[in-house]
Structures are given as C-alpha cells and as structure tokens.
C-alpha cells in the first residue's frame, strides 16, 4: 500500500462506514437515510485502483446510464 493510502480501509468497508456516518448525520437533521446502489457501488469499486493517485471527478454519464439513474451526488474517485 502506498504512503497516500495508508490507514484507508478496503474500498467496500470504507464505503459502508462512510454511508453509515453520513446517515447518522442526516438522521440528526431529520433527513431520510441514503441508500447504497449496487450498480453504482460496482462502478465505484471498479475505480478503486485510483486510491494511490490524486482524487479527480470521473465522468458520471456512463454510470447514470448503466444504473438507469437521473442524478447523482458527489463522485470523488
């Protein structure tokens, strides 16, 4: 593992932890919890090799089309 990615959980574990913490924060604000899209998760895990590189915004259109979605939120990968 590179120096930049030390301390980072496996991508799937990190995603689960991130959604859990986000939903806790949303709950305190009275907002509905986020739901994980298996389709979008699969696309994201396919980009896990970028963990060792600088984060950048990836094109979302292919994921939106593949997952039959109209919109998406943040996409750092």
Protein backbone atom coordinates (compact mmCIF):
# COMPACT_ATOMS: atom_id res chain seq x y z
CA UNK A 1 0.00 0.00 0.00
CA UNK A 2 1.31 3.44 -0.81
CA UNK A 3 2.01 6.13 1.75
CA UNK A 4 -1.03 8.08 0.48
CA UNK A 5 -3.41 5.19 1.11
CA UNK A 6 -2.10 4.01 4.49
CA UNK A 7 -4.87 3.93 7.06
CA UNK A 8 -7.60 3.71 4.43
CA UNK A 9 -9.95 0.74 4.78
CA UNK A 10 -10.70 -1.60 1.91
CA UNK A 11 -12.92 0.31 -0.55
CA UNK A 12 -16.13 -1.61 0.25
CA UNK A 13 -15.58 -1.26 4.00
CA UNK A 14 -14.78 2.43 3.63
CA UNK A 15 -17.96 2.98 1.60
CA UNK A 16 -20.09 1.20 4.22
CA UNK A 17 -18.54 3.27 7.01
CA UNK A 18 -19.00 6.49 5.04
CA UNK A 19 -22.68 5.79 4.35
CA UNK A 20 -23.27 4.80 7.99
CA UNK A 21 -21.70 8.01 9.31
CA UNK A 22 -23.46 10.11 6.70
CA UNK A 23 -26.80 8.58 7.61
CA UNK A 24 -26.17 9.26 11.31
CA UNK A 25 -25.58 12.93 10.46
CA UNK A 26 -28.63 13.03 8.18
CA UNK A 27 -30.73 11.49 10.96
CA UNK A 28 -29.79 14.25 13.36
CA UNK A 29 -31.09 16.72 10.78
CA UNK A 30 -34.34 14.82 10.24
CA UNK A 31 -33.36 13.68 6.75
CA UNK A 32 -34.02 10.27 5.21
CA UNK A 33 -31.04 7.91 5.09
CA UNK A 34 -29.10 7.39 1.89
CA UNK A 35 -29.39 4.03 0.17
CA UNK A 36 -26.50 2.23 -1.49
CA UNK A 37 -26.98 1.49 -5.18
CA UNK A 38 -25.43 -1.89 -6.01
CA UNK A 39 -24.98 -0.73 -9.59
CA UNK A 40 -23.17 2.49 -8.63
CA UNK A 41 -21.17 0.63 -5.96
CA UNK A 42 -19.93 -1.80 -8.59
CA UNK A 43 -18.82 1.09 -10.81
CA UNK A 44 -17.06 2.78 -7.89
CA UNK A 45 -15.24 -0.38 -6.81
CA UNK A 46 -14.01 -0.72 -10.38
CA UNK A 47 -12.12 2.55 -9.88
CA UNK A 48 -10.51 1.52 -6.59
CA UNK A 49 -7.10 1.36 -8.26
CA UNK A 50 -7.11 5.18 -8.17
CA UNK A 51 -6.70 5.17 -4.36
CA UNK A 52 -2.96 5.60 -4.88
CA UNK A 53 -3.45 8.61 -7.14
CA UNK A 54 -4.84 12.09 -6.74
CA UNK A 55 -8.62 12.29 -6.50
CA UNK A 56 -10.46 13.62 -9.51
CA UNK A 57 -14.03 13.81 -10.75
CA UNK A 58 -14.81 10.94 -13.09
CA UNK A 59 -17.45 11.18 -15.81
CA UNK A 60 -20.82 10.17 -14.36
CA UNK A 61 -22.81 9.77 -17.57
CA UNK A 62 -21.77 6.11 -18.16
CA UNK A 63 -22.72 5.21 -14.57
CA UNK A 64 -26.04 7.08 -14.76
CA UNK A 65 -26.92 5.27 -17.98
CA UNK A 66 -25.83 1.84 -16.70
CA UNK A 67 -27.68 2.30 -13.40
CA UNK A 68 -30.75 3.89 -15.03
CA UNK A 69 -30.41 6.91 -12.74
CA UNK A 70 -31.36 10.53 -13.36
CA UNK A 71 -28.90 12.14 -10.97
CA UNK A 72 -26.06 11.50 -8.58
CA UNK A 73 -24.28 13.36 -5.83
CA UNK A 74 -20.53 13.69 -5.24
CA UNK A 75 -18.24 11.38 -7.21
CA UNK A 76 -14.66 11.71 -5.93
CA UNK A 77 -12.65 8.83 -7.31
